[in-house]
């Protein structure tokens, strides 16, 4: 029998022998390209949001007690059997430089009214308490040799 008025029931275009098409992936935030100071600030803020969302613990389920509260399984009145993990790496010394970068106009001349200060780690030393070794990072470049920048202040903490 022919369909009335040319109408037919909808048909699924996938047969059972075919593999289902992939679902759209998770939308990842992107970091905008930095070409001037406002876009550099926007890019830095986006990087901060990505790092914070990656490292944040997320929401606590409301049906699971947090560690150390309530009566735990096999313990009487808390998490007394839980052993605190001691940090293996400890920071011993840090030296930071605050560097001022000046903006340039379209002719390449520095504009002393527009600048940006960046705090950069010049030296950092960590100590491994288990293997008794040190890990040292030292910035390999002289900040005064960086074109349109000026070293403003150096701070050292630790021993």
Protein backbone atom coordinates (compact mmCIF):
# COMPACT_ATOMS: atom_id res chain seq x y z
CA UNK A 1 0.00 0.00 0.00
CA UNK A 2 1.39 3.44 -0.91
CA UNK A 3 1.87 6.07 1.80
CA UNK A 4 -0.76 8.77 2.00
CA UNK A 5 0.29 12.21 0.75
CA UNK A 6 3.91 11.04 0.41
CA UNK A 7 4.45 10.83 4.21
CA UNK A 8 6.48 8.01 5.70
CA UNK A 9 7.52 7.12 9.22
CA UNK A 10 10.99 8.34 10.30
CA UNK A 11 13.74 5.77 9.83
CA UNK A 12 16.96 5.49 11.81
CA UNK A 13 19.89 5.88 9.34
CA UNK A 14 22.09 3.47 11.34
CA UNK A 15 21.71 -0.27 10.95
CA UNK A 16 22.74 -2.64 13.76
CA UNK A 17 25.81 -3.82 11.86
CA UNK A 18 27.31 -0.30 11.80
CA UNK A 19 29.38 1.28 14.55
CA UNK A 20 27.67 4.19 16.26
CA UNK A 21 29.12 7.61 15.43
CA UNK A 22 31.34 9.22 18.06
CA UNK A 23 29.88 11.67 20.52
CA UNK A 24 31.14 15.24 20.64
CA UNK A 25 34.14 15.54 22.94
CA UNK A 26 34.41 17.58 26.10
CA UNK A 27 34.82 21.25 25.31
CA UNK A 28 38.21 22.31 26.61
CA UNK A 29 38.80 25.99 27.37
CA UNK A 30 41.33 27.60 25.11
CA UNK A 31 43.93 30.23 25.90
CA UNK A 32 43.62 33.32 23.69
CA UNK A 33 46.66 34.56 21.83
CA UNK A 34 48.42 37.42 23.60
CA UNK A 35 49.36 40.30 21.31
CA UNK A 36 49.17 43.27 23.69
CA UNK A 37 48.81 43.95 27.41
CA UNK A 38 44.99 43.46 27.69
CA UNK A 39 45.13 40.19 25.73
CA UNK A 40 48.15 39.04 27.81
CA UNK A 41 46.17 39.69 30.99
CA UNK A 42 43.17 37.82 29.53
CA UNK A 43 45.43 34.89 28.61
CA UNK A 44 46.98 34.84 32.09
CA UNK A 45 43.50 34.88 33.68
CA UNK A 46 42.38 32.00 31.44
CA UNK A 47 45.49 29.98 32.38
CA UNK A 48 44.71 30.68 36.05
CA UNK A 49 41.10 29.46 35.61
CA UNK A 50 42.26 26.27 33.86
CA UNK A 51 44.84 25.50 36.57
CA UNK A 52 42.39 26.25 39.39
CA UNK A 53 39.67 24.06 37.87
CA UNK A 54 42.18 21.26 37.29
CA UNK A 55 43.65 21.35 40.79
CA UNK A 56 40.50 22.06 42.80
CA UNK A 57 39.10 19.04 44.64
CA UNK A 58 35.55 19.51 43.37
CA UNK A 59 32.35 19.23 45.33
CA UNK A 60 32.15 16.92 48.34
CA UNK A 61 29.36 14.35 48.00
CA UNK A 62 26.83 14.94 50.75
CA UNK A 63 26.54 11.27 51.70
CA UNK A 64 30.24 10.61 52.34
CA UNK A 65 31.79 11.83 55.60
CA UNK A 66 34.97 13.82 55.31
CA UNK A 67 38.17 12.28 56.66
CA UNK A 68 38.43 12.68 60.42
CA UNK A 69 34.76 13.35 61.08
CA UNK A 70 32.10 10.94 62.22
CA UNK A 71 32.49 7.28 63.02
CA UNK A 72 34.62 5.49 60.48
CA UNK A 73 34.36 1.84 59.56
CA UNK A 74 36.33 -0.31 61.97
CA UNK A 75 37.24 2.62 64.20
CA UNK A 76 35.46 3.84 67.23
CA UNK A 77 34.69 7.51 66.83
CA UNK A 78 36.85 8.86 64.05
CA UNK A 79 39.87 8.39 61.84
CA UNK A 80 42.35 7.65 64.59
CA UNK A 81 43.92 4.88 62.52
CA UNK A 82 44.76 7.22 59.61
CA UNK A 83 48.45 8.04 59.36
CA UNK A 84 49.40 11.56 58.24
CA UNK A 85 51.73 11.56 55.23
CA UNK A 86 54.72 13.83 55.72
CA UNK A 87 55.73 16.00 52.76
CA UNK A 88 58.69 14.44 50.98
CA UNK A 89 59.98 17.57 49.20
CA UNK A 90 60.56 20.76 51.16
CA UNK A 91 61.49 24.15 49.76
CA UNK A 92 64.71 25.40 51.33
CA UNK A 93 65.59 28.60 49.46
CA UNK A 94 63.99 30.87 46.87
CA UNK A 95 65.22 33.98 45.08
CA UNK A 96 62.78 36.01 43.01
CA UNK A 97 63.33 38.99 40.72
CA UNK A 98 60.73 41.63 39.97
CA UNK A 99 61.30 42.80 36.41
CA UNK A 100 59.61 45.77 34.77
CA UNK A 101 58.84 45.56 31.05
CA UNK A 102 58.05 48.81 29.25
CA UNK A 103 55.57 49.10 26.40
CA UNK A 104 56.76 50.25 22.99
CA UNK A 105 54.86 52.51 20.63
CA UNK A 106 54.49 51.88 16.89
CA UNK A 107 57.94 53.42 16.29
CA UNK A 108 59.64 51.07 18.75
CA UNK A 109 60.26 53.79 21.36
CA UNK A 110 59.74 52.81 25.00
CA UNK A 111 56.75 54.41 26.71
CA UNK A 112 57.74 54.96 30.36
CA UNK A 113 54.08 55.55 31.31
CA UNK A 114 53.00 52.00 30.37
CA UNK A 115 54.78 49.11 32.04
CA UNK A 116 54.22 45.66 33.50
CA UNK A 117 56.03 44.12 36.46
CA UNK A 118 56.60 40.37 36.54
CA UNK A 119 57.87 38.39 39.52
CA UNK A 120 60.07 35.56 38.28
CA UNK A 121 61.80 32.79 40.21
CA UNK A 122 65.54 33.22 39.64
CA UNK A 123 66.69 30.44 42.00
CA UNK A 124 64.86 27.76 43.98
CA UNK A 125 66.17 24.83 46.00
CA UNK A 126 64.14 21.84 47.20
CA UNK A 127 65.30 19.08 49.55
CA UNK A 128 64.10 15.46 49.43
CA UNK A 129 63.76 14.24 53.02
CA UNK A 130 63.69 10.57 51.99
CA UNK A 131 66.71 10.32 49.69
CA UNK A 132 68.54 13.30 51.27
CA UNK A 133 69.18 15.00 47.92
CA UNK A 134 68.64 18.55 46.66
CA UNK A 135 66.96 19.74 43.48
CA UNK A 136 68.01 23.20 42.26
CA UNK A 137 66.54 25.42 39.54
CA UNK A 138 68.47 28.49 38.49
CA UNK A 139 67.26 30.99 35.86
CA UNK A 140 69.95 30.89 33.17
CA UNK A 141 69.56 34.45 31.84
CA UNK A 142 70.61 37.84 33.16
CA UNK A 143 67.44 39.97 33.60
CA UNK A 144 69.31 43.15 32.68
CA UNK A 145 70.08 41.72 29.21
CA UNK A 146 66.41 41.36 28.25
CA UNK A 147 65.89 44.30 25.94
CA UNK A 148 63.18 46.64 27.21
CA UNK A 149 63.16 45.41 30.82
CA UNK A 150 64.57 46.68 34.09
CA UNK A 151 65.38 44.71 37.25
CA UNK A 152 63.40 46.38 40.03
CA UNK A 153 63.94 44.21 43.12
CA UNK A 154 65.44 40.87 44.20
CA UNK A 155 64.07 38.95 47.20
CA UNK A 156 65.62 35.88 48.87
CA UNK A 157 63.81 33.65 51.37
CA UNK A 158 64.96 30.52 53.20
CA UNK A 159 68.43 29.35 54.03
